[in-house]
Protein backbone atom coordinates (compact mmCIF):
# COMPACT_ATOMS: atom_id res chain seq x y z
CA MET A 1 0.38 0.53 -0.21
CA GLY A 2 1.45 3.36 -0.80
CA THR A 3 0.49 6.49 -1.17
CA VAL A 4 -2.46 7.95 -2.98
CA ARG A 5 -1.91 11.29 -5.06
CA ALA A 6 -4.35 13.43 -7.04
CA SER A 7 -3.96 17.42 -7.87
CA ALA A 8 -4.51 20.18 -9.78
CA SER A 9 -3.91 24.05 -10.11
CA THR A 10 -5.22 26.85 -11.17
CA SER A 11 -4.24 30.40 -11.83
CA VAL A 12 -6.79 33.17 -10.55
CA GLY A 13 -7.52 36.57 -10.91
CA ALA A 14 -8.01 37.31 -6.65
CA PRO A 15 -5.34 38.43 -4.52
CA PRO A 16 -4.69 35.49 -1.58
CA GLY A 17 -6.69 36.79 0.99
CA ARG A 18 -9.72 37.39 -0.69
CA VAL A 19 -9.52 33.48 -2.19
CA LEU A 20 -8.90 32.29 1.35
CA GLU A 21 -12.14 34.10 2.45
CA VAL A 22 -14.11 32.20 0.33
CA LEU A 23 -12.24 29.10 0.73
CA ARG A 24 -12.90 29.67 4.66
CA ASP A 25 -16.60 30.19 4.61
CA TYR A 26 -17.63 26.08 4.71
CA ALA A 27 -21.21 26.69 4.74
CA ALA A 28 -21.18 28.53 1.35
CA ARG A 29 -18.51 25.15 -0.21
CA PRO A 30 -21.43 23.79 -1.42
CA ASP A 31 -21.13 26.30 -4.49
CA LEU A 32 -17.34 25.26 -5.56
CA LEU A 33 -18.27 21.23 -5.61
CA THR A 34 -19.40 19.12 -7.98
CA ASP A 35 -22.41 16.72 -8.39
CA ASN A 36 -19.41 14.06 -6.89
CA TYR A 37 -20.66 15.57 -3.30
CA SER A 38 -23.81 15.07 -1.70
CA GLN A 39 -25.54 16.37 1.53
CA TYR A 40 -22.60 18.30 2.33
CA ARG A 41 -23.43 19.51 5.95
CA VAL A 42 -21.38 21.86 8.24
CA GLU A 43 -20.86 20.30 11.64
CA ALA A 44 -19.56 22.70 14.05
CA GLY A 45 -18.08 25.99 13.36
CA GLY A 46 -18.27 26.90 9.66
CA SER A 47 -15.22 29.75 8.33
CA GLY A 48 -11.54 28.13 9.23
CA ALA A 49 -8.78 26.29 11.24
CA GLY A 50 -11.90 23.79 13.81
CA THR A 51 -14.31 23.21 11.63
CA VAL A 52 -15.79 20.04 10.51
CA VAL A 53 -17.53 19.47 7.56
CA ALA A 54 -19.13 16.22 6.75
CA PHE A 55 -20.10 14.72 2.60
CA HIS A 56 -21.09 11.22 0.48
CA PHE A 57 -18.37 11.96 -2.53
CA ALA A 58 -19.20 9.34 -5.68
CA ALA A 59 -17.19 8.77 -8.68
CA GLY A 60 -15.35 6.66 -11.05
CA GLY A 61 -18.27 3.52 -9.37
CA ARG A 62 -17.25 4.52 -6.16
CA GLU A 63 -18.89 6.20 -2.89
CA ARG A 64 -17.58 6.86 0.13
CA ASP A 65 -18.83 8.74 3.12
CA TYR A 66 -16.77 12.14 4.89
CA ARG A 67 -15.64 13.58 8.11
CA LEU A 68 -13.53 16.51 7.63
CA ARG A 69 -11.65 18.73 10.37
CA ILE A 70 -10.24 21.76 9.01
CA GLU A 71 -6.45 22.42 10.09
CA GLU A 72 -5.21 26.08 9.00
CA GLU A 73 -1.26 27.23 8.61
CA ASP A 74 0.47 29.37 6.79
CA GLY A 75 -2.02 30.18 3.52
CA VAL A 76 -2.80 26.27 3.46
CA LEU A 77 -6.27 25.24 4.35
CA ARG A 78 -5.90 21.17 5.40
CA GLU A 79 -8.62 19.52 5.83
CA ARG A 80 -8.22 15.81 7.17
CA ASP A 81 -10.37 12.81 7.39
CA GLU A 82 -11.87 11.48 10.51
CA LEU A 83 -12.74 8.69 8.61
CA SER A 84 -9.84 7.62 7.29
CA SER A 85 -6.02 8.61 5.83
CA PHE A 86 -7.15 11.38 3.11
CA VAL A 87 -6.00 14.14 2.74
CA SER A 88 -6.74 17.41 1.34
CA SER A 89 -5.38 20.89 0.67
CA TRP A 90 -5.68 24.57 -0.26
CA THR A 91 -2.78 26.06 -1.32
CA VAL A 92 -3.08 30.01 -2.05
CA ALA A 93 0.39 31.44 -2.96
CA ALA A 94 0.15 34.96 -4.53
CA ASP A 95 1.21 34.99 -8.73
CA GLY A 96 1.09 38.43 -9.99
CA ALA A 97 -1.78 40.45 -9.15
CA GLY A 98 -3.39 37.30 -8.60
CA SER A 99 -3.29 33.38 -6.93
CA LYS A 100 -2.33 30.05 -7.96
CA VAL A 101 -4.20 27.99 -5.91
CA THR A 102 -3.36 24.26 -5.61
CA LEU A 103 -6.00 21.47 -5.12
CA GLU A 104 -4.23 18.50 -3.80
CA ALA A 105 -5.37 15.00 -1.75
CA THR A 106 -3.26 12.06 -0.52
CA TRP A 107 -4.08 8.71 0.43
CA ASP A 108 -3.46 5.94 1.95
CA GLY A 109 -3.84 3.17 -2.01
CA ALA A 110 -5.25 0.04 -1.12
CA GLY A 111 -3.02 -3.10 -1.74
CA GLY A 112 -2.39 -5.08 -4.41
CA ILE A 113 -3.58 -5.65 -7.63
CA GLY A 114 -6.80 -3.06 -6.92
CA GLY A 115 -3.65 -1.06 -4.87
CA VAL A 116 -2.06 -0.57 -8.51
CA PHE A 117 -5.22 0.43 -10.43
CA GLU A 118 -5.94 3.23 -7.88
CA GLY A 119 -2.88 4.66 -7.32
CA LEU A 120 -2.88 4.87 -11.53
CA PHE A 121 -6.78 6.03 -12.58
CA ALA A 122 -8.21 7.95 -9.16
CA PRO A 123 -5.40 10.83 -9.37
CA ILE A 124 -6.70 11.14 -12.98
CA GLY A 125 -10.37 11.26 -12.21
CA LEU A 126 -9.97 13.55 -9.65
CA ARG A 127 -7.60 15.75 -10.45
CA ARG A 128 -10.67 16.30 -13.64
CA ILE A 129 -13.08 16.74 -10.74
CA TYR A 130 -10.67 19.50 -9.26
CA LEU A 131 -9.97 21.47 -12.02
CA GLN A 132 -14.28 22.54 -12.20
CA VAL A 133 -14.16 23.08 -8.11
CA LEU A 134 -11.40 25.23 -8.99
CA ALA A 135 -12.78 27.09 -11.55
CA ARG A 136 -16.08 26.73 -9.63
CA LEU A 137 -13.86 29.21 -6.81
CA SER A 138 -12.07 31.58 -9.81
CA GLN A 139 -15.71 32.24 -10.25
CA ALA A 140 -16.76 32.46 -6.75
CA VAL A 141 -14.32 35.54 -6.46
CA GLY A 142 -15.18 36.80 -9.52
CA ARG A 143 -12.70 35.99 -11.94
CA GLU A 144 -11.36 33.91 -15.18
CA THR A 145 -9.13 30.38 -14.72
CA ARG A 146 -6.20 29.54 -16.11
CA PRO A 147 -5.90 26.21 -15.36
CA SER A 148 -1.76 25.44 -15.06
CA PRO A 149 0.01 23.06 -17.20
């Protein structure tokens, strides 16, 4: 079993403070999410570190529930699942007059041949979903996005 990593980045035409403000608003987070996410709810807090959110996620024929506790450090929002090894991280950095935003997820992959397929295909599917989420983030801050290579 190895660590599986999926990520996507984009440029957003808003300063990091504005981007982080939108990302910290977990009550409004469903506006950024795709149809892969359902039953989204804020269980504690609602803005930034200490917030706990839960949702159901379905993609690629797999479904599972998540319960994420939010941590924040140096412009990075880390969403750590209390039910598994899954961790998503939002990194926001200055990029000219705007920001570069990277959404990355890591988790402990399955063992055996299933783990090989998971390590190959899950990052591809999740990257597609993350690019859609990042585009919605860009719309939420009122600017256009440019996917990074």
